[in-house]
Amino acid sequence: MVAALVAGGTPPPGFAAGPLAAARLALLRKRAGEVARRWPRLAAGLGDAWWDTFRRWADGRPGSGPLRDGWDLARTLRDRGTLPAPGAEELAEREAADRYDGRTAPRPRRLPAVARAGGAVAVQVAGRVRLLRAAQR
């Protein structure tokens, strides 16, 4: 049942597809809202396309928490060349501040770091992150 609701699995026998699809959509909307709260500039940069972009990306993927889901979505959009400038700046700042391998929870960086995304450049020194160059708009 859980796999059918959050990971796009097949519905269990005896459950109507319509109500299950409605519940699945509601959970996906809730998840999109949680990710938008953790990644506000990414969501704002996508504007009206936020919901469709998130839905297409998240459909069939199990959630891994709003921080990691947003990070994975931002990286996917960056790799496709469709990451909006505010999202690129947010991703660069997070990449400079934390280390995230895509499987385990992000961990704070201990050494100075420079990160780039979509033309944005961020640097982290002594735990403070600064955006050195804004993304091209």
N, C-alpha and C. Protein backbone atom coordinates (compact mmCIF):
# COMPACT_ATOMS: atom_id res chain seq x y z
N MET A 1 0.83 -1.19 0.00
CA MET A 1 0.00 0.00 0.00
C MET A 1 0.88 1.26 0.00
N VAL A 2 1.89 1.28 0.85
CA VAL A 2 2.77 2.45 0.92
C VAL A 2 3.49 2.65 -0.40
N ALA A 3 3.99 1.56 -0.98
CA ALA A 3 4.69 1.66 -2.26
C ALA A 3 3.77 2.21 -3.34
N ALA A 4 2.50 1.83 -3.31
CA ALA A 4 1.55 2.34 -4.30
C ALA A 4 1.30 3.83 -4.11
N LEU A 5 1.35 4.29 -2.88
CA LEU A 5 1.07 5.70 -2.61
C LEU A 5 2.25 6.62 -2.87
N VAL A 6 3.44 6.22 -2.48
CA VAL A 6 4.57 7.15 -2.55
C VAL A 6 5.63 6.80 -3.57
N ALA A 7 5.69 5.58 -4.04
CA ALA A 7 6.76 5.20 -4.96
C ALA A 7 6.25 4.74 -6.32
N GLY A 8 4.95 4.92 -6.58
CA GLY A 8 4.43 4.56 -7.89
C GLY A 8 4.24 3.08 -8.10
N GLY A 9 4.17 2.31 -7.02
CA GLY A 9 3.97 0.86 -7.14
C GLY A 9 2.56 0.53 -7.58
N THR A 10 2.33 -0.75 -7.86
CA THR A 10 1.00 -1.18 -8.28
C THR A 10 0.07 -1.22 -7.07
N PRO A 11 -1.19 -0.89 -7.29
CA PRO A 11 -2.15 -0.91 -6.17
C PRO A 11 -2.36 -2.33 -5.67
N PRO A 12 -2.52 -2.50 -4.38
CA PRO A 12 -2.78 -3.83 -3.85
C PRO A 12 -4.17 -4.31 -4.28
N PRO A 13 -4.37 -5.61 -4.33
CA PRO A 13 -5.68 -6.13 -4.72
C PRO A 13 -6.77 -5.64 -3.77
N GLY A 14 -7.92 -5.31 -4.35
CA GLY A 14 -9.05 -4.88 -3.55
C GLY A 14 -9.14 -3.38 -3.35
N PHE A 15 -8.18 -2.62 -3.82
CA PHE A 15 -8.22 -1.16 -3.67
C PHE A 15 -8.58 -0.53 -5.00
N ALA A 16 -9.51 0.39 -4.96
CA ALA A 16 -9.93 1.09 -6.18
C ALA A 16 -8.83 2.03 -6.64
N ALA A 17 -8.59 2.06 -7.93
CA ALA A 17 -7.50 2.87 -8.47
C ALA A 17 -7.76 4.37 -8.33
N GLY A 18 -9.00 4.81 -8.49
CA GLY A 18 -9.32 6.24 -8.43
C GLY A 18 -8.99 6.89 -7.10
N PRO A 19 -9.54 6.38 -5.99
CA PRO A 19 -9.22 6.97 -4.69
C PRO A 19 -7.73 6.86 -4.34
N LEU A 20 -7.11 5.77 -4.77
CA LEU A 20 -5.68 5.59 -4.50
C LEU A 20 -4.87 6.65 -5.25
N ALA A 21 -5.26 6.93 -6.50
CA ALA A 21 -4.57 7.96 -7.28
C ALA A 21 -4.77 9.34 -6.66
N ALA A 22 -5.96 9.61 -6.14
CA ALA A 22 -6.22 10.90 -5.49
C ALA A 22 -5.36 11.06 -4.23
N ALA A 23 -5.26 10.00 -3.45
CA ALA A 23 -4.43 10.05 -2.24
C ALA A 23 -2.96 10.22 -2.61
N ARG A 24 -2.54 9.55 -3.66
CA ARG A 24 -1.15 9.64 -4.11
C ARG A 24 -0.83 11.07 -4.55
N LEU A 25 -1.75 11.69 -5.29
CA LEU A 25 -1.56 13.06 -5.74
C LEU A 25 -1.50 14.03 -4.56
N ALA A 26 -2.35 13.81 -3.57
CA ALA A 26 -2.35 14.67 -2.37
C ALA A 26 -1.02 14.55 -1.62
N LEU A 27 -0.50 13.35 -1.50
CA LEU A 27 0.79 13.16 -0.83
C LEU A 27 1.92 13.80 -1.62
N LEU A 28 1.83 13.72 -2.95
CA LEU A 28 2.86 14.34 -3.79
C LEU A 28 2.82 15.86 -3.66
N ARG A 29 1.62 16.44 -3.57
CA ARG A 29 1.49 17.89 -3.37
C ARG A 29 2.07 18.30 -2.01
N LYS A 30 1.80 17.50 -1.00
CA LYS A 30 2.35 17.78 0.33
C LYS A 30 3.87 17.75 0.29
N ARG A 31 4.40 16.75 -0.38
CA ARG A 31 5.85 16.61 -0.51
C ARG A 31 6.44 17.80 -1.26
N ALA A 32 5.76 18.25 -2.32
CA ALA A 32 6.23 19.42 -3.08
C ALA A 32 6.26 20.66 -2.21
N GLY A 33 5.25 20.82 -1.36
CA GLY A 33 5.22 21.97 -0.45
C GLY A 33 6.35 21.93 0.55
N GLU A 34 6.65 20.74 1.06
CA GLU A 34 7.75 20.61 2.02
C GLU A 34 9.09 20.93 1.36
N VAL A 35 9.28 20.46 0.13
CA VAL A 35 10.52 20.75 -0.59
C VAL A 35 10.61 22.25 -0.88
N ALA A 36 9.50 22.86 -1.26
CA ALA A 36 9.50 24.31 -1.55
C ALA A 36 9.86 25.12 -0.30
N ARG A 37 9.46 24.65 0.87
CA ARG A 37 9.83 25.36 2.10
C ARG A 37 11.33 25.24 2.39
N ARG A 38 11.94 24.12 2.04
CA ARG A 38 13.39 23.93 2.28
C ARG A 38 14.23 24.54 1.17
N TRP A 39 13.65 24.66 -0.04
CA TRP A 39 14.34 25.20 -1.21
C TRP A 39 13.50 26.34 -1.81
N PRO A 40 13.33 27.44 -1.08
CA PRO A 40 12.41 28.49 -1.55
C PRO A 40 12.83 29.17 -2.86
N ARG A 41 14.12 29.37 -3.06
CA ARG A 41 14.55 30.05 -4.28
C ARG A 41 14.42 29.14 -5.50
N LEU A 42 14.61 27.85 -5.31
CA LEU A 42 14.39 26.90 -6.41
C LEU A 42 12.92 26.94 -6.83
N ALA A 43 12.03 26.85 -5.86
CA ALA A 43 10.59 26.87 -6.16
C ALA A 43 10.18 28.21 -6.77
N ALA A 44 10.68 29.31 -6.22
CA ALA A 44 10.33 30.63 -6.76
C ALA A 44 10.88 30.82 -8.16
N GLY A 45 12.07 30.31 -8.41
CA GLY A 45 12.67 30.44 -9.73
C GLY A 45 11.89 29.69 -10.80
N LEU A 46 11.28 28.58 -10.41
CA LEU A 46 10.47 27.82 -11.36
C LEU A 46 9.08 28.43 -11.52
N GLY A 47 8.65 29.19 -10.52
CA GLY A 47 7.36 29.88 -10.61
C GLY A 47 6.20 28.92 -10.81
N ASP A 48 5.38 29.22 -11.82
CA ASP A 48 4.20 28.39 -12.10
C ASP A 48 4.57 26.98 -12.55
N ALA A 49 5.79 26.78 -13.01
CA ALA A 49 6.22 25.46 -13.46
C ALA A 49 6.66 24.57 -12.30
N TRP A 50 6.69 25.11 -11.07
CA TRP A 50 7.18 24.34 -9.91
C TRP A 50 6.44 23.02 -9.76
N TRP A 51 5.12 23.06 -9.70
CA TRP A 51 4.36 21.83 -9.43
C TRP A 51 4.58 20.80 -10.53
N ASP A 52 4.48 21.20 -11.79
CA ASP A 52 4.65 20.24 -12.88
C ASP A 52 6.07 19.67 -12.90
N THR A 53 7.05 20.54 -12.68
CA THR A 53 8.45 20.08 -12.66
C THR A 53 8.67 19.10 -11.53
N PHE A 54 8.19 19.44 -10.34
CA PHE A 54 8.38 18.55 -9.20
C PHE A 54 7.63 17.24 -9.41
N ARG A 55 6.39 17.32 -9.89
CA ARG A 55 5.58 16.12 -10.08
C ARG A 55 6.25 15.16 -11.07
N ARG A 56 6.72 15.68 -12.19
CA ARG A 56 7.39 14.81 -13.17
C ARG A 56 8.65 14.18 -12.58
N TRP A 57 9.41 14.97 -11.83
CA TRP A 57 10.64 14.45 -11.24
C TRP A 57 10.35 13.43 -10.14
N ALA A 58 9.41 13.72 -9.26
CA ALA A 58 9.17 12.90 -8.07
C ALA A 58 8.29 11.69 -8.33
N ASP A 59 7.53 11.70 -9.41
CA ASP A 59 6.61 10.60 -9.68
C ASP A 59 7.38 9.28 -9.79
N GLY A 60 7.07 8.36 -8.91
CA GLY A 60 7.72 7.06 -8.91
C GLY A 60 8.99 6.99 -8.07
N ARG A 61 9.40 8.11 -7.50
CA ARG A 61 10.59 8.12 -6.63
C ARG A 61 10.15 8.15 -5.18
N PRO A 62 10.68 7.29 -4.37
CA PRO A 62 10.37 7.39 -2.93
C PRO A 62 11.01 8.66 -2.36
N GLY A 63 10.35 9.27 -1.42
CA GLY A 63 10.87 10.49 -0.81
C GLY A 63 12.05 10.19 0.10
N SER A 64 12.97 11.14 0.16
CA SER A 64 14.11 10.99 1.06
C SER A 64 14.25 12.21 1.97
N GLY A 65 13.14 12.91 2.16
CA GLY A 65 13.14 14.11 3.00
C GLY A 65 13.22 15.34 2.12
N PRO A 66 12.65 16.45 2.58
CA PRO A 66 12.59 17.65 1.73
C PRO A 66 13.95 18.23 1.36
N LEU A 67 14.92 18.19 2.25
CA LEU A 67 16.23 18.73 1.92
C LEU A 67 16.88 17.92 0.81
N ARG A 68 16.90 16.60 0.97
CA ARG A 68 17.53 15.75 -0.04
C ARG A 68 16.74 15.70 -1.34
N ASP A 69 15.41 15.69 -1.25
CA ASP A 69 14.61 15.71 -2.48
C ASP A 69 14.89 16.98 -3.28
N GLY A 70 14.93 18.12 -2.60
CA GLY A 70 15.22 19.38 -3.29
C GLY A 70 16.61 19.39 -3.89
N TRP A 71 17.55 18.84 -3.15
CA TRP A 71 18.94 18.80 -3.63
C TRP A 71 19.02 17.93 -4.88
N ASP A 72 18.38 16.77 -4.84
CA ASP A 72 18.41 15.87 -6.00
C ASP A 72 17.70 16.50 -7.20
N LEU A 73 16.58 17.17 -6.96
CA LEU A 73 15.86 17.84 -8.04
C LEU A 73 16.73 18.95 -8.63
N ALA A 74 17.34 19.76 -7.79
CA ALA A 74 18.19 20.85 -8.28
C ALA A 74 19.35 20.31 -9.11
N ARG A 75 19.96 19.23 -8.67
CA ARG A 75 21.06 18.64 -9.43
C ARG A 75 20.57 18.10 -10.77
N THR A 76 19.39 17.49 -10.77
CA THR A 76 18.82 16.97 -12.02
C THR A 76 18.57 18.11 -12.99
N LEU A 77 17.97 19.19 -12.51
CA LEU A 77 17.71 20.35 -13.37
C LEU A 77 19.01 20.97 -13.86
N ARG A 78 20.02 21.02 -13.00
CA ARG A 78 21.33 21.55 -13.41
C ARG A 78 21.91 20.69 -14.53
N ASP A 79 21.84 19.38 -14.38
CA ASP A 79 22.39 18.49 -15.39
C ASP A 79 21.66 18.60 -16.72
N ARG A 80 20.37 18.91 -16.67
CA ARG A 80 19.57 19.09 -17.89
C ARG A 80 19.73 20.49 -18.48
N GLY A 81 20.32 21.41 -17.73
CA GLY A 81 20.47 22.78 -18.18
C GLY A 81 19.21 23.61 -18.01
N THR A 82 18.31 23.19 -17.12
CA THR A 82 17.05 23.91 -16.92
C THR A 82 16.90 24.49 -15.52
N LEU A 83 17.99 24.56 -14.78
CA LEU A 83 17.94 25.10 -13.42
C LEU A 83 17.83 26.62 -13.49
N PRO A 84 16.77 27.21 -12.89
CA PRO A 84 16.65 28.67 -12.92
C PRO A 84 17.73 29.34 -12.08
N ALA A 85 18.02 30.59 -12.37
CA ALA A 85 19.10 31.31 -11.69
C ALA A 85 18.97 31.32 -10.17
N PRO A 86 17.80 31.62 -9.59
CA PRO A 86 17.71 31.59 -8.12
C PRO A 86 17.99 30.19 -7.55
N GLY A 87 17.56 29.17 -8.26
CA GLY A 87 17.83 27.80 -7.82
C GLY A 87 19.31 27.46 -7.95
N ALA A 88 19.97 27.99 -8.98
CA ALA A 88 21.40 27.75 -9.15
C ALA A 88 22.19 28.37 -8.01
N GLU A 89 21.79 29.58 -7.62
CA GLU A 89 22.47 30.23 -6.50
C GLU A 89 22.26 29.45 -5.20
N GLU A 90 21.04 28.99 -4.99
CA GLU A 90 20.74 28.22 -3.79
C GLU A 90 21.52 26.90 -3.78
N LEU A 91 21.59 26.23 -4.93
CA LEU A 91 22.34 24.98 -5.01
C LEU A 91 23.83 25.23 -4.77
N ALA A 92 24.39 26.27 -5.38
CA ALA A 92 25.81 26.56 -5.18
C ALA A 92 26.12 26.82 -3.71
N GLU A 93 25.24 27.56 -3.04
CA GLU A 93 25.46 27.84 -1.61
C GLU A 93 25.40 26.55 -0.79
N ARG A 94 24.45 25.69 -1.09
CA ARG A 94 24.33 24.44 -0.33
C ARG A 94 25.51 23.51 -0.61
N GLU A 95 25.94 23.46 -1.87
CA GLU A 95 27.08 22.60 -2.23
C GLU A 95 28.35 23.09 -1.55
N ALA A 96 28.48 24.41 -1.37
CA ALA A 96 29.65 24.95 -0.69
C ALA A 96 29.60 24.67 0.81
N ALA A 97 28.41 24.70 1.38
CA ALA A 97 28.27 24.54 2.83
C ALA A 97 28.30 23.09 3.28
N ASP A 98 27.71 22.20 2.49
CA ASP A 98 27.56 20.80 2.91
C ASP A 98 28.05 19.85 1.84
N ARG A 99 28.37 18.66 2.29
CA ARG A 99 28.78 17.58 1.40
C ARG A 99 27.61 16.61 1.30
N TYR A 100 27.16 16.33 0.08
CA TYR A 100 26.02 15.43 -0.13
C TYR A 100 26.35 14.51 -1.29
N ASP A 101 26.33 13.21 -1.02
CA ASP A 101 26.70 12.23 -2.04
C ASP A 101 25.50 11.65 -2.80
N GLY A 102 24.30 12.09 -2.48
CA GLY A 102 23.11 11.59 -3.15
C GLY A 102 22.51 10.36 -2.50
N ARG A 103 23.16 9.81 -1.48
CA ARG A 103 22.63 8.61 -0.81
C ARG A 103 22.45 8.81 0.68
N THR A 104 23.37 9.51 1.31
CA THR A 104 23.30 9.70 2.76
C THR A 104 22.99 11.16 3.07
N ALA A 105 22.66 11.43 4.30
CA ALA A 105 22.29 12.80 4.69
C ALA A 105 23.47 13.76 4.47
N PRO A 106 23.17 15.00 4.08
CA PRO A 106 24.24 15.99 3.91
C PRO A 106 24.97 16.24 5.23
N ARG A 107 26.29 16.48 5.10
CA ARG A 107 27.12 16.77 6.28
C ARG A 107 27.85 18.07 6.06
N PRO A 108 27.99 18.87 7.10
CA PRO A 108 28.71 20.15 6.95
C PRO A 108 30.16 19.93 6.53
N ARG A 109 30.64 20.79 5.67
CA ARG A 109 32.05 20.72 5.25
C ARG A 109 32.91 21.32 6.35
N ARG A 110 34.07 20.76 6.54
CA ARG A 110 34.99 21.27 7.56
C ARG A 110 36.07 22.15 6.96
N LEU A 111 36.39 21.92 5.71
CA LEU A 111 37.43 22.70 5.04
C LEU A 111 36.79 23.73 4.12
N PRO A 112 37.52 24.76 3.75
CA PRO A 112 36.98 25.73 2.79
C PRO A 112 36.57 25.03 1.50
N ALA A 113 35.55 25.55 0.86
CA ALA A 113 35.04 24.93 -0.37
C ALA A 113 34.51 25.99 -1.32
N VAL A 114 34.58 25.67 -2.60
CA VAL A 114 34.01 26.49 -3.66
C VAL A 114 33.05 25.61 -4.43
N ALA A 115 31.88 26.13 -4.75
CA ALA A 115 30.90 25.36 -5.51
C ALA A 115 30.33 26.23 -6.62
N ARG A 116 30.00 25.58 -7.74
CA ARG A 116 29.44 26.27 -8.90
C ARG A 116 28.18 25.56 -9.34
N ALA A 117 27.21 26.34 -9.79
CA ALA A 117 25.99 25.79 -10.37
C ALA A 117 25.34 26.85 -11.23
N GLY A 118 25.14 26.54 -12.50
CA GLY A 118 24.44 27.45 -13.39
C GLY A 118 25.05 28.84 -13.47
N GLY A 119 26.35 28.94 -13.38
CA GLY A 119 27.02 30.24 -13.43
C GLY A 119 27.21 30.89 -12.07
N ALA A 120 26.51 30.40 -11.06
CA ALA A 120 26.68 30.94 -9.70
C ALA A 120 27.91 30.31 -9.07
N VAL A 121 28.62 31.11 -8.29
CA VAL A 121 29.79 30.62 -7.58
C VAL A 121 29.65 31.01 -6.11
N ALA A 122 29.78 30.02 -5.24
CA ALA A 122 29.69 30.26 -3.80
C ALA A 122 30.95 29.71 -3.14
N VAL A 123 31.35 30.35 -2.05
CA VAL A 123 32.52 29.91 -1.30
C VAL A 123 32.13 29.78 0.16
N GLN A 124 32.72 28.80 0.81
CA GLN A 124 32.50 28.59 2.25
C GLN A 124 33.85 28.59 2.93
N VAL A 125 33.99 29.46 3.92
CA VAL A 125 35.20 29.54 4.73
C VAL A 125 34.76 29.70 6.18
N ALA A 126 35.29 28.87 7.04
CA ALA A 126 34.99 28.93 8.48
C ALA A 126 33.49 28.84 8.75
N GLY A 127 32.81 28.03 7.96
CA GLY A 127 31.38 27.82 8.19
C GLY A 127 30.46 28.88 7.62
N ARG A 128 31.01 29.91 7.01
CA ARG A 128 30.19 30.97 6.42
C ARG A 128 30.21 30.85 4.91
N VAL A 129 29.05 30.96 4.32
CA VAL A 129 28.93 30.83 2.87
C VAL A 129 28.62 32.18 2.26
N ARG A 130 29.34 32.51 1.20
CA ARG A 130 29.11 33.76 0.48
C ARG A 130 28.95 33.44 -1.00
N LEU A 131 28.01 34.11 -1.62
CA LEU A 131 27.82 34.00 -3.06
C LEU A 131 28.77 34.99 -3.72
N LEU A 132 29.75 34.48 -4.46
CA LEU A 132 30.74 35.35 -5.11
C LEU A 132 30.23 35.88 -6.44
N ARG A 133 29.50 35.05 -7.16
CA ARG A 133 28.96 35.47 -8.45
C ARG A 133 27.56 34.93 -8.59
N ALA A 134 26.64 35.80 -8.93
CA ALA A 134 25.25 35.39 -9.13
C ALA A 134 25.12 34.62 -10.44
N ALA A 135 24.10 33.80 -10.51
CA ALA A 135 23.83 33.05 -11.74
C ALA A 135 23.35 34.00 -12.82
N GLN A 136 23.59 33.62 -14.06
CA GLN A 136 23.14 34.44 -15.18
C GLN A 136 21.63 34.33 -15.31
N ARG A 137 20.98 35.45 -15.42
CA ARG A 137 19.51 35.48 -15.47
C ARG A 137 19.02 35.65 -16.88
